[in-house]
Amino acid sequence: MGEKLTKKDVEKIRQEIDHRRLVIRHDALDQVKVARAHGDLSENFEYYAAKKFKNENESRITYLQNILKNAEIIDDEYADDVTKVGLDSMVKVCFDFNEKSPKDFETYKIVTSIRSNSLKKLISIESPLGKSLIGKSKDEIVSVQLENGSSYELKIIDVTKVGEEDDSIKPY
């Protein structure tokens, strides 16, 4: 079983593959030709840098093709329900919800794993937090089960549906 992708994820990946094949590959080959024309390849840094760039592009194309080959296309079953957490939902949660006036809120966006980035608060639907939030609604208290057997609770403060237009595919 491969990556869980939406139809939009698949389209973004195909666009990147096309761009890399038609534009970047051509530029990379030109860079190699120009660097090779400088003569002695044994001490030609430009040649090695151009070859590295070309190889990285080819590796990225292969990586993306493999993702598509093994992908599982999914639909968001909560896409039409604006009150429930689904793919591309912004979820505002509170971890200290037992206080009378909680101050610490975090906002996460629920995405497919190919677009996840915890530093940008893009949380995968396959992560413990993502799995726990999917299908839940505002004001629900959610128990998040971690892989090591421990758990924690949080309260959903707000759910907003947003698009995936700004989300990019992970580099690797």
N, C-alpha and C. Protein backbone atom coordinates (compact mmCIF):
# COMPACT_ATOMS: atom_id res chain seq x y z
N MET A 1 0.84 -1.17 0.00
CA MET A 1 0.00 0.00 0.00
C MET A 1 0.89 1.24 0.00
N GLY A 2 0.62 2.18 -0.90
CA GLY A 2 1.43 3.37 -1.03
C GLY A 2 0.84 4.56 -0.29
N GLU A 3 1.26 5.72 -0.71
CA GLU A 3 0.79 6.97 -0.13
C GLU A 3 -0.71 7.15 -0.38
N LYS A 4 -1.38 7.74 0.58
CA LYS A 4 -2.78 8.12 0.38
C LYS A 4 -2.78 9.52 -0.20
N LEU A 5 -3.32 9.66 -1.41
CA LEU A 5 -3.30 10.93 -2.12
C LEU A 5 -4.70 11.31 -2.56
N THR A 6 -4.95 12.61 -2.61
CA THR A 6 -6.19 13.11 -3.20
C THR A 6 -5.96 13.27 -4.70
N LYS A 7 -7.03 13.50 -5.42
CA LYS A 7 -6.90 13.73 -6.87
C LYS A 7 -6.06 14.98 -7.14
N LYS A 8 -6.18 15.99 -6.28
CA LYS A 8 -5.37 17.20 -6.43
C LYS A 8 -3.89 16.92 -6.17
N ASP A 9 -3.60 16.05 -5.21
CA ASP A 9 -2.20 15.65 -4.96
C ASP A 9 -1.62 15.02 -6.21
N VAL A 10 -2.39 14.11 -6.82
CA VAL A 10 -1.94 13.42 -8.02
C VAL A 10 -1.67 14.43 -9.14
N GLU A 11 -2.56 15.39 -9.29
CA GLU A 11 -2.38 16.41 -10.34
C GLU A 11 -1.13 17.25 -10.08
N LYS A 12 -0.89 17.63 -8.82
CA LYS A 12 0.32 18.40 -8.48
C LYS A 12 1.58 17.61 -8.79
N ILE A 13 1.56 16.32 -8.48
CA ILE A 13 2.72 15.48 -8.75
C ILE A 13 2.95 15.36 -10.25
N ARG A 14 1.89 15.15 -11.01
CA ARG A 14 2.03 15.05 -12.46
C ARG A 14 2.56 16.36 -13.06
N GLN A 15 2.10 17.48 -12.54
CA GLN A 15 2.59 18.77 -13.02
C GLN A 15 4.09 18.93 -12.72
N GLU A 16 4.49 18.52 -11.53
CA GLU A 16 5.91 18.62 -11.20
C GLU A 16 6.75 17.71 -12.09
N ILE A 17 6.28 16.49 -12.33
CA ILE A 17 7.00 15.57 -13.22
C ILE A 17 7.14 16.18 -14.61
N ASP A 18 6.04 16.71 -15.14
CA ASP A 18 6.08 17.34 -16.47
C ASP A 18 7.07 18.50 -16.51
N HIS A 19 7.04 19.35 -15.49
CA HIS A 19 7.95 20.50 -15.43
C HIS A 19 9.41 20.03 -15.38
N ARG A 20 9.66 19.02 -14.58
CA ARG A 20 11.03 18.51 -14.46
C ARG A 20 11.50 17.86 -15.76
N ARG A 21 10.60 17.16 -16.45
CA ARG A 21 10.98 16.51 -17.71
C ARG A 21 11.20 17.52 -18.84
N LEU A 22 10.30 18.51 -18.93
CA LEU A 22 10.31 19.41 -20.07
C LEU A 22 11.19 20.64 -19.88
N VAL A 23 11.33 21.12 -18.67
CA VAL A 23 12.07 22.35 -18.43
C VAL A 23 13.40 22.08 -17.73
N ILE A 24 13.33 21.51 -16.55
CA ILE A 24 14.54 21.35 -15.74
C ILE A 24 15.52 20.38 -16.39
N ARG A 25 15.01 19.28 -16.95
CA ARG A 25 15.90 18.31 -17.61
C ARG A 25 16.69 18.97 -18.74
N HIS A 26 16.01 19.78 -19.54
CA HIS A 26 16.66 20.49 -20.65
C HIS A 26 17.75 21.43 -20.12
N ASP A 27 17.42 22.20 -19.08
CA ASP A 27 18.40 23.12 -18.48
C ASP A 27 19.60 22.36 -17.90
N ALA A 28 19.32 21.24 -17.24
CA ALA A 28 20.39 20.46 -16.63
C ALA A 28 21.34 19.91 -17.70
N LEU A 29 20.78 19.42 -18.79
CA LEU A 29 21.62 18.90 -19.87
C LEU A 29 22.46 20.01 -20.51
N ASP A 30 21.87 21.20 -20.66
CA ASP A 30 22.62 22.34 -21.18
C ASP A 30 23.79 22.71 -20.26
N GLN A 31 23.55 22.69 -18.95
CA GLN A 31 24.60 23.01 -17.99
C GLN A 31 25.75 22.00 -18.09
N VAL A 32 25.42 20.73 -18.25
CA VAL A 32 26.45 19.69 -18.38
C VAL A 32 27.26 19.93 -19.65
N LYS A 33 26.59 20.23 -20.76
CA LYS A 33 27.29 20.47 -22.03
C LYS A 33 28.23 21.66 -21.93
N VAL A 34 27.75 22.75 -21.34
CA VAL A 34 28.58 23.95 -21.20
C VAL A 34 29.78 23.67 -20.31
N ALA A 35 29.56 23.00 -19.20
CA ALA A 35 30.66 22.70 -18.28
C ALA A 35 31.66 21.74 -18.92
N ARG A 36 31.18 20.78 -19.69
CA ARG A 36 32.07 19.82 -20.35
C ARG A 36 32.95 20.53 -21.38
N ALA A 37 32.42 21.56 -22.00
CA ALA A 37 33.16 22.30 -23.03
C ALA A 37 34.33 23.08 -22.45
N HIS A 38 34.38 23.25 -21.14
CA HIS A 38 35.48 23.98 -20.50
C HIS A 38 36.77 23.20 -20.47
N GLY A 39 36.72 21.95 -20.89
CA GLY A 39 37.99 21.20 -21.00
C GLY A 39 38.15 20.14 -19.94
N ASP A 40 39.33 20.10 -19.31
CA ASP A 40 39.74 19.07 -18.37
C ASP A 40 38.65 18.79 -17.33
N LEU A 41 38.08 17.57 -17.37
CA LEU A 41 36.99 17.22 -16.47
C LEU A 41 37.49 16.80 -15.09
N SER A 42 38.76 16.48 -14.95
CA SER A 42 39.27 15.99 -13.67
C SER A 42 39.24 17.06 -12.58
N GLU A 43 39.33 18.32 -12.95
CA GLU A 43 39.30 19.40 -11.95
C GLU A 43 38.25 20.45 -12.31
N ASN A 44 37.20 20.01 -12.95
CA ASN A 44 36.15 20.93 -13.41
C ASN A 44 34.97 20.87 -12.45
N PHE A 45 34.95 21.80 -11.48
CA PHE A 45 33.87 21.83 -10.49
C PHE A 45 32.51 22.07 -11.15
N GLU A 46 32.45 22.94 -12.13
CA GLU A 46 31.18 23.23 -12.81
C GLU A 46 30.59 21.97 -13.42
N TYR A 47 31.43 21.11 -13.97
CA TYR A 47 30.96 19.87 -14.57
C TYR A 47 30.34 18.97 -13.50
N TYR A 48 31.03 18.80 -12.37
CA TYR A 48 30.51 17.95 -11.30
C TYR A 48 29.22 18.52 -10.71
N ALA A 49 29.15 19.83 -10.56
CA ALA A 49 27.94 20.46 -10.04
C ALA A 49 26.77 20.29 -11.01
N ALA A 50 27.03 20.42 -12.29
CA ALA A 50 25.99 20.25 -13.31
C ALA A 50 25.50 18.80 -13.34
N LYS A 51 26.44 17.85 -13.25
CA LYS A 51 26.06 16.43 -13.22
C LYS A 51 25.22 16.12 -11.98
N LYS A 52 25.61 16.71 -10.85
CA LYS A 52 24.86 16.48 -9.61
C LYS A 52 23.44 17.02 -9.74
N PHE A 53 23.30 18.21 -10.27
CA PHE A 53 21.98 18.82 -10.48
C PHE A 53 21.13 17.95 -11.41
N LYS A 54 21.73 17.47 -12.49
CA LYS A 54 21.02 16.62 -13.45
C LYS A 54 20.56 15.33 -12.77
N ASN A 55 21.45 14.70 -11.99
CA ASN A 55 21.11 13.45 -11.31
C ASN A 55 20.03 13.65 -10.23
N GLU A 56 20.09 14.78 -9.52
CA GLU A 56 19.05 15.06 -8.52
C GLU A 56 17.69 15.23 -9.18
N ASN A 57 17.65 15.88 -10.33
CA ASN A 57 16.39 16.04 -11.06
C ASN A 57 15.84 14.68 -11.49
N GLU A 58 16.71 13.84 -12.04
CA GLU A 58 16.27 12.51 -12.48
C GLU A 58 15.79 11.67 -11.30
N SER A 59 16.45 11.80 -10.16
CA SER A 59 16.03 11.07 -8.95
C SER A 59 14.66 11.53 -8.48
N ARG A 60 14.44 12.84 -8.53
CA ARG A 60 13.14 13.38 -8.11
C ARG A 60 12.03 12.87 -9.04
N ILE A 61 12.28 12.84 -10.34
CA ILE A 61 11.29 12.33 -11.30
C ILE A 61 10.96 10.88 -10.96
N THR A 62 11.97 10.06 -10.73
CA THR A 62 11.76 8.65 -10.40
C THR A 62 10.98 8.50 -9.10
N TYR A 63 11.35 9.29 -8.09
CA TYR A 63 10.66 9.27 -6.80
C TYR A 63 9.17 9.59 -6.97
N LEU A 64 8.86 10.64 -7.71
CA LEU A 64 7.47 11.03 -7.92
C LEU A 64 6.70 9.98 -8.72
N GLN A 65 7.35 9.40 -9.72
CA GLN A 65 6.69 8.35 -10.52
C GLN A 65 6.36 7.14 -9.64
N ASN A 66 7.26 6.78 -8.74
CA ASN A 66 7.01 5.66 -7.84
C ASN A 66 5.87 5.95 -6.87
N ILE A 67 5.79 7.19 -6.42
CA ILE A 67 4.67 7.56 -5.55
C ILE A 67 3.35 7.36 -6.29
N LEU A 68 3.29 7.84 -7.53
CA LEU A 68 2.05 7.70 -8.31
C LEU A 68 1.72 6.24 -8.60
N LYS A 69 2.75 5.46 -8.88
CA LYS A 69 2.53 4.05 -9.22
C LYS A 69 1.91 3.29 -8.06
N ASN A 70 2.30 3.63 -6.84
CA ASN A 70 1.85 2.89 -5.65
C ASN A 70 0.77 3.63 -4.85
N ALA A 71 0.26 4.72 -5.36
CA ALA A 71 -0.65 5.57 -4.59
C ALA A 71 -2.04 4.94 -4.43
N GLU A 72 -2.64 5.31 -3.32
CA GLU A 72 -4.04 4.99 -3.06
C GLU A 72 -4.81 6.31 -3.11
N ILE A 73 -5.72 6.43 -4.08
CA ILE A 73 -6.49 7.67 -4.23
C ILE A 73 -7.64 7.65 -3.22
N ILE A 74 -7.71 8.72 -2.42
CA ILE A 74 -8.75 8.80 -1.39
C ILE A 74 -9.61 10.03 -1.60
N ASP A 75 -10.82 9.96 -1.09
CA ASP A 75 -11.73 11.10 -1.06
C ASP A 75 -11.94 11.50 0.39
N ASP A 76 -12.24 12.75 0.60
CA ASP A 76 -12.52 13.23 1.95
C ASP A 76 -14.00 12.99 2.24
N GLU A 77 -14.28 12.03 3.11
CA GLU A 77 -15.68 11.72 3.40
C GLU A 77 -16.38 12.84 4.17
N TYR A 78 -15.61 13.77 4.70
CA TYR A 78 -16.19 14.89 5.44
C TYR A 78 -16.11 16.20 4.65
N ALA A 79 -15.86 16.13 3.36
CA ALA A 79 -15.68 17.33 2.54
C ALA A 79 -16.92 18.23 2.55
N ASP A 80 -18.10 17.65 2.56
CA ASP A 80 -19.33 18.44 2.51
C ASP A 80 -19.84 18.84 3.89
N ASP A 81 -19.24 18.33 4.93
CA ASP A 81 -19.68 18.64 6.29
C ASP A 81 -18.71 19.65 6.91
N VAL A 82 -19.10 20.91 6.93
CA VAL A 82 -18.20 21.96 7.43
C VAL A 82 -18.02 21.92 8.94
N THR A 83 -18.81 21.10 9.64
CA THR A 83 -18.68 21.04 11.10
C THR A 83 -17.70 19.96 11.55
N LYS A 84 -17.32 19.05 10.66
CA LYS A 84 -16.44 17.95 11.03
C LYS A 84 -15.04 18.13 10.42
N VAL A 85 -14.05 17.64 11.15
CA VAL A 85 -12.67 17.70 10.68
C VAL A 85 -12.48 16.69 9.56
N GLY A 86 -11.95 17.16 8.45
CA GLY A 86 -11.63 16.31 7.31
C GLY A 86 -10.34 16.79 6.68
N LEU A 87 -10.04 16.30 5.51
CA LEU A 87 -8.87 16.77 4.78
C LEU A 87 -8.99 18.26 4.52
N ASP A 88 -7.89 18.95 4.65
CA ASP A 88 -7.82 20.39 4.40
C ASP A 88 -8.69 21.22 5.35
N SER A 89 -8.87 20.70 6.56
CA SER A 89 -9.54 21.47 7.61
C SER A 89 -8.48 22.14 8.47
N MET A 90 -8.75 23.39 8.84
CA MET A 90 -7.94 24.07 9.84
C MET A 90 -8.63 23.79 11.17
N VAL A 91 -7.87 23.24 12.10
CA VAL A 91 -8.43 22.83 13.39
C VAL A 91 -7.71 23.59 14.50
N LYS A 92 -8.47 24.35 15.25
CA LYS A 92 -7.92 25.07 16.40
C LYS A 92 -8.19 24.21 17.63
N VAL A 93 -7.12 23.84 18.34
CA VAL A 93 -7.26 22.96 19.49
C VAL A 93 -6.64 23.60 20.73
N CYS A 94 -7.07 23.11 21.87
CA CYS A 94 -6.55 23.59 23.14
C CYS A 94 -6.12 22.37 23.95
N PHE A 95 -4.92 22.41 24.49
CA PHE A 95 -4.40 21.29 25.26
C PHE A 95 -4.69 21.43 26.76
N ASP A 96 -4.91 22.64 27.22
CA ASP A 96 -5.18 22.86 28.65
C ASP A 96 -6.63 23.31 28.83
N PHE A 97 -7.57 22.52 28.34
CA PHE A 97 -8.97 22.91 28.29
C PHE A 97 -9.68 22.83 29.63
N ASN A 98 -9.04 22.30 30.67
CA ASN A 98 -9.67 22.22 31.99
C ASN A 98 -9.61 23.54 32.74
N GLU A 99 -8.76 24.46 32.29
CA GLU A 99 -8.69 25.78 32.92
C GLU A 99 -9.94 26.58 32.56
N LYS A 100 -10.29 27.56 33.41
CA LYS A 100 -11.49 28.37 33.16
C LYS A 100 -11.36 29.21 31.90
N SER A 101 -10.18 29.77 31.70
CA SER A 101 -9.96 30.56 30.48
C SER A 101 -8.64 30.10 29.84
N PRO A 102 -8.71 29.04 29.06
CA PRO A 102 -7.47 28.53 28.45
C PRO A 102 -6.83 29.57 27.54
N LYS A 103 -5.50 29.60 27.55
CA LYS A 103 -4.77 30.59 26.77
C LYS A 103 -4.01 29.96 25.61
N ASP A 104 -3.64 28.72 25.74
CA ASP A 104 -2.78 28.09 24.76
C ASP A 104 -3.58 27.34 23.70
N PHE A 105 -3.60 27.93 22.51
CA PHE A 105 -4.28 27.30 21.38
C PHE A 105 -3.25 27.00 20.31
N GLU A 106 -3.48 25.95 19.58
CA GLU A 106 -2.67 25.60 18.43
C GLU A 106 -3.62 25.40 17.25
N THR A 107 -3.19 25.78 16.07
CA THR A 107 -3.99 25.57 14.87
C THR A 107 -3.21 24.69 13.92
N TYR A 108 -3.87 23.64 13.46
CA TYR A 108 -3.25 22.68 12.54
C TYR A 108 -4.12 22.54 11.30
N LYS A 109 -3.48 22.21 10.21
CA LYS A 109 -4.20 21.87 8.99
C LYS A 109 -4.02 20.38 8.76
N ILE A 110 -5.10 19.68 8.48
CA ILE A 110 -5.07 18.24 8.25
C ILE A 110 -4.87 18.00 6.75
N VAL A 111 -3.80 17.28 6.42
CA VAL A 111 -3.42 17.07 5.02
C VAL A 111 -3.02 15.61 4.78
N THR A 112 -2.81 15.25 3.53
CA THR A 112 -2.27 13.93 3.22
C THR A 112 -0.79 13.91 3.59
N SER A 113 -0.23 12.73 3.76
CA SER A 113 1.15 12.62 4.25
C SER A 113 2.16 13.21 3.28
N ILE A 114 1.86 13.24 2.00
CA ILE A 114 2.79 13.78 1.00
C ILE A 114 2.92 15.31 1.14
N ARG A 115 1.95 15.96 1.81
CA ARG A 115 1.99 17.40 2.01
C ARG A 115 2.28 17.78 3.46
N SER A 116 2.46 16.81 4.34
CA SER A 116 2.63 17.11 5.76
C SER A 116 3.96 17.80 6.04
N ASN A 117 3.94 18.66 7.03
CA ASN A 117 5.14 19.38 7.47
C ASN A 117 4.84 19.90 8.86
N SER A 118 5.33 19.22 9.87
CA SER A 118 4.99 19.59 11.24
C SER A 118 5.49 20.98 11.61
N LEU A 119 6.57 21.44 10.99
CA LEU A 119 7.07 22.79 11.28
C LEU A 119 6.11 23.87 10.81
N LYS A 120 5.33 23.56 9.77
CA LYS A 120 4.33 24.49 9.25
C LYS A 120 2.94 24.16 9.76
N LYS A 121 2.88 23.21 10.71
CA LYS A 121 1.62 22.76 11.32
C LYS A 121 0.67 22.13 10.30
N LEU A 122 1.25 21.43 9.34
CA LEU A 122 0.50 20.63 8.38
C LEU A 122 0.59 19.19 8.86
N ILE A 123 -0.50 18.69 9.42
CA ILE A 123 -0.51 17.40 10.09
C ILE A 123 -1.13 16.33 9.20
N SER A 124 -0.43 15.22 9.06
CA SER A 124 -0.87 14.11 8.21
C SER A 124 -2.09 13.40 8.79
N ILE A 125 -2.96 12.94 7.90
CA ILE A 125 -4.11 12.14 8.32
C ILE A 125 -3.68 10.78 8.86
N GLU A 126 -2.42 10.42 8.63
CA GLU A 126 -1.91 9.14 9.10
C GLU A 126 -1.15 9.26 10.42
N SER A 127 -0.97 10.49 10.92
CA SER A 127 -0.29 10.69 12.20
C SER A 127 -1.28 10.42 13.34
N PRO A 128 -0.78 10.15 14.55
CA PRO A 128 -1.70 9.94 15.67
C PRO A 128 -2.67 11.11 15.88
N LEU A 129 -2.17 12.33 15.79
CA LEU A 129 -3.04 13.49 15.95
C LEU A 129 -4.06 13.58 14.82
N GLY A 130 -3.60 13.40 13.59
CA GLY A 130 -4.50 13.46 12.44
C GLY A 130 -5.58 12.40 12.50
N LYS A 131 -5.19 11.16 12.82
CA LYS A 131 -6.17 10.07 12.93
C LYS A 131 -7.22 10.37 13.99
N SER A 132 -6.79 10.97 15.09
CA SER A 132 -7.70 11.26 16.20
C SER A 132 -8.67 12.39 15.88
N LEU A 133 -8.23 13.36 15.07
CA LEU A 133 -9.08 14.52 14.78
C LEU A 133 -10.09 14.28 13.66
N ILE A 134 -9.78 13.40 12.71
CA ILE A 134 -10.66 13.18 11.56
C ILE A 134 -12.05 12.76 12.04
N GLY A 135 -13.07 13.45 11.51
CA GLY A 135 -14.46 13.12 11.81
C GLY A 135 -14.99 13.75 13.08
N LYS A 136 -14.14 14.43 13.83
CA LYS A 136 -14.58 15.06 15.08
C LYS A 136 -15.11 16.46 14.81
N SER A 137 -15.83 17.03 15.79
CA SER A 137 -16.47 18.33 15.63
C SER A 137 -16.01 19.31 16.70
N LYS A 138 -16.38 20.56 16.50
CA LYS A 138 -16.10 21.63 17.46
C LYS A 138 -16.62 21.25 18.84
N ASP A 139 -15.87 21.59 19.87
CA ASP A 139 -16.17 21.36 21.28
C ASP A 139 -16.00 19.91 21.73
N GLU A 140 -15.58 19.02 20.85
CA GLU A 140 -15.33 17.63 21.27
C GLU A 140 -13.97 17.54 21.95
N ILE A 141 -13.90 16.67 22.95
CA ILE A 141 -12.64 16.35 23.59
C ILE A 141 -12.14 15.07 22.93
N VAL A 142 -10.90 15.14 22.46
CA VAL A 142 -10.32 14.06 21.67
C VAL A 142 -9.15 13.45 22.43
N SER A 143 -9.09 12.12 22.44
CA SER A 143 -7.97 11.41 23.03
C SER A 143 -7.04 10.97 21.89
N VAL A 144 -5.79 11.38 21.98
CA VAL A 144 -4.79 11.05 20.96
C VAL A 144 -3.93 9.92 21.49
N GLN A 145 -4.00 8.75 20.83
CA GLN A 145 -3.23 7.58 21.23
C GLN A 145 -1.89 7.57 20.49
N LEU A 146 -0.81 7.56 21.24
CA LEU A 146 0.52 7.54 20.64
C LEU A 146 0.99 6.10 20.45
N GLU A 147 1.97 5.92 19.58
CA GLU A 147 2.47 4.58 19.25
C GLU A 147 3.09 3.87 20.44
N ASN A 148 3.62 4.62 21.40
CA ASN A 148 4.26 4.00 22.56
C ASN A 148 3.25 3.60 23.64
N GLY A 149 1.97 3.77 23.36
CA GLY A 149 0.92 3.37 24.31
C GLY A 149 0.39 4.51 25.16
N SER A 150 1.09 5.61 25.25
CA SER A 150 0.59 6.73 26.04
C SER A 150 -0.42 7.54 25.22
N SER A 151 -1.09 8.45 25.89
CA SER A 151 -2.09 9.26 25.20
C SER A 151 -2.19 10.63 25.87
N TYR A 152 -2.86 11.53 25.19
CA TYR A 152 -3.16 12.85 25.75
C TYR A 152 -4.49 13.31 25.18
N GLU A 153 -5.08 14.30 25.84
CA GLU A 153 -6.37 14.81 25.38
C GLU A 153 -6.24 16.26 24.97
N LEU A 154 -7.12 16.64 24.06
CA LEU A 154 -7.22 18.04 23.65
C LEU A 154 -8.68 18.32 23.30
N LYS A 155 -9.00 19.58 23.22
CA LYS A 155 -10.36 19.99 22.90
C LYS A 155 -10.34 20.76 21.58
N ILE A 156 -11.28 20.44 20.71
CA ILE A 156 -11.39 21.16 19.44
C ILE A 156 -12.16 22.45 19.70
N ILE A 157 -11.54 23.56 19.40
CA ILE A 157 -12.13 24.87 19.62
C ILE A 157 -12.87 25.35 18.37
N ASP A 158 -12.29 25.06 17.19
CA ASP A 158 -12.91 25.53 15.94
C ASP A 158 -12.44 24.65 14.78
N VAL A 159 -13.33 24.53 13.78
CA VAL A 159 -13.02 23.79 12.55
C VAL A 159 -13.39 24.67 11.37
N THR A 160 -12.45 24.86 10.45
CA THR A 160 -12.68 25.66 9.25
C THR A 160 -12.18 24.88 8.05
N LYS A 161 -12.98 24.80 7.00
CA LYS A 161 -12.54 24.14 5.77
C LYS A 161 -11.76 25.14 4.91
N VAL A 162 -10.62 24.71 4.43
CA VAL A 162 -9.79 25.52 3.53
C VAL A 162 -9.34 24.63 2.39
N GLY A 163 -8.75 25.20 1.39
CA GLY A 163 -8.27 24.42 0.24
C GLY A 163 -6.84 23.97 0.43
N GLU A 164 -6.34 23.25 -0.57
CA GLU A 164 -4.95 22.76 -0.53
C GLU A 164 -4.07 23.48 -1.53
N GLU A 165 -4.53 24.61 -2.04
CA GLU A 165 -3.80 25.29 -3.10
C GLU A 165 -2.37 25.66 -2.74
N ASP A 166 -2.13 26.07 -1.50
CA ASP A 166 -0.81 26.54 -1.11
C ASP A 166 0.11 25.42 -0.62
N ASP A 167 -0.41 24.22 -0.45
CA ASP A 167 0.38 23.12 0.06
C ASP A 167 1.25 22.54 -1.04
N SER A 168 2.51 22.33 -0.73
CA SER A 168 3.41 21.78 -1.73
C SER A 168 3.73 20.32 -1.37
N ILE A 169 4.19 19.60 -2.36
CA ILE A 169 4.58 18.22 -2.18
C ILE A 169 5.95 18.20 -1.49
N LYS A 170 6.13 17.29 -0.53
CA LYS A 170 7.41 17.20 0.18
C LYS A 170 8.56 16.97 -0.77
N PRO A 171 9.73 17.51 -0.45
CA PRO A 171 10.88 17.29 -1.33
C PRO A 171 11.27 15.81 -1.40
N TYR A 172 11.31 15.10 -0.28
CA TYR A 172 11.58 13.65 -0.24
C TYR A 172 11.00 13.08 0.99
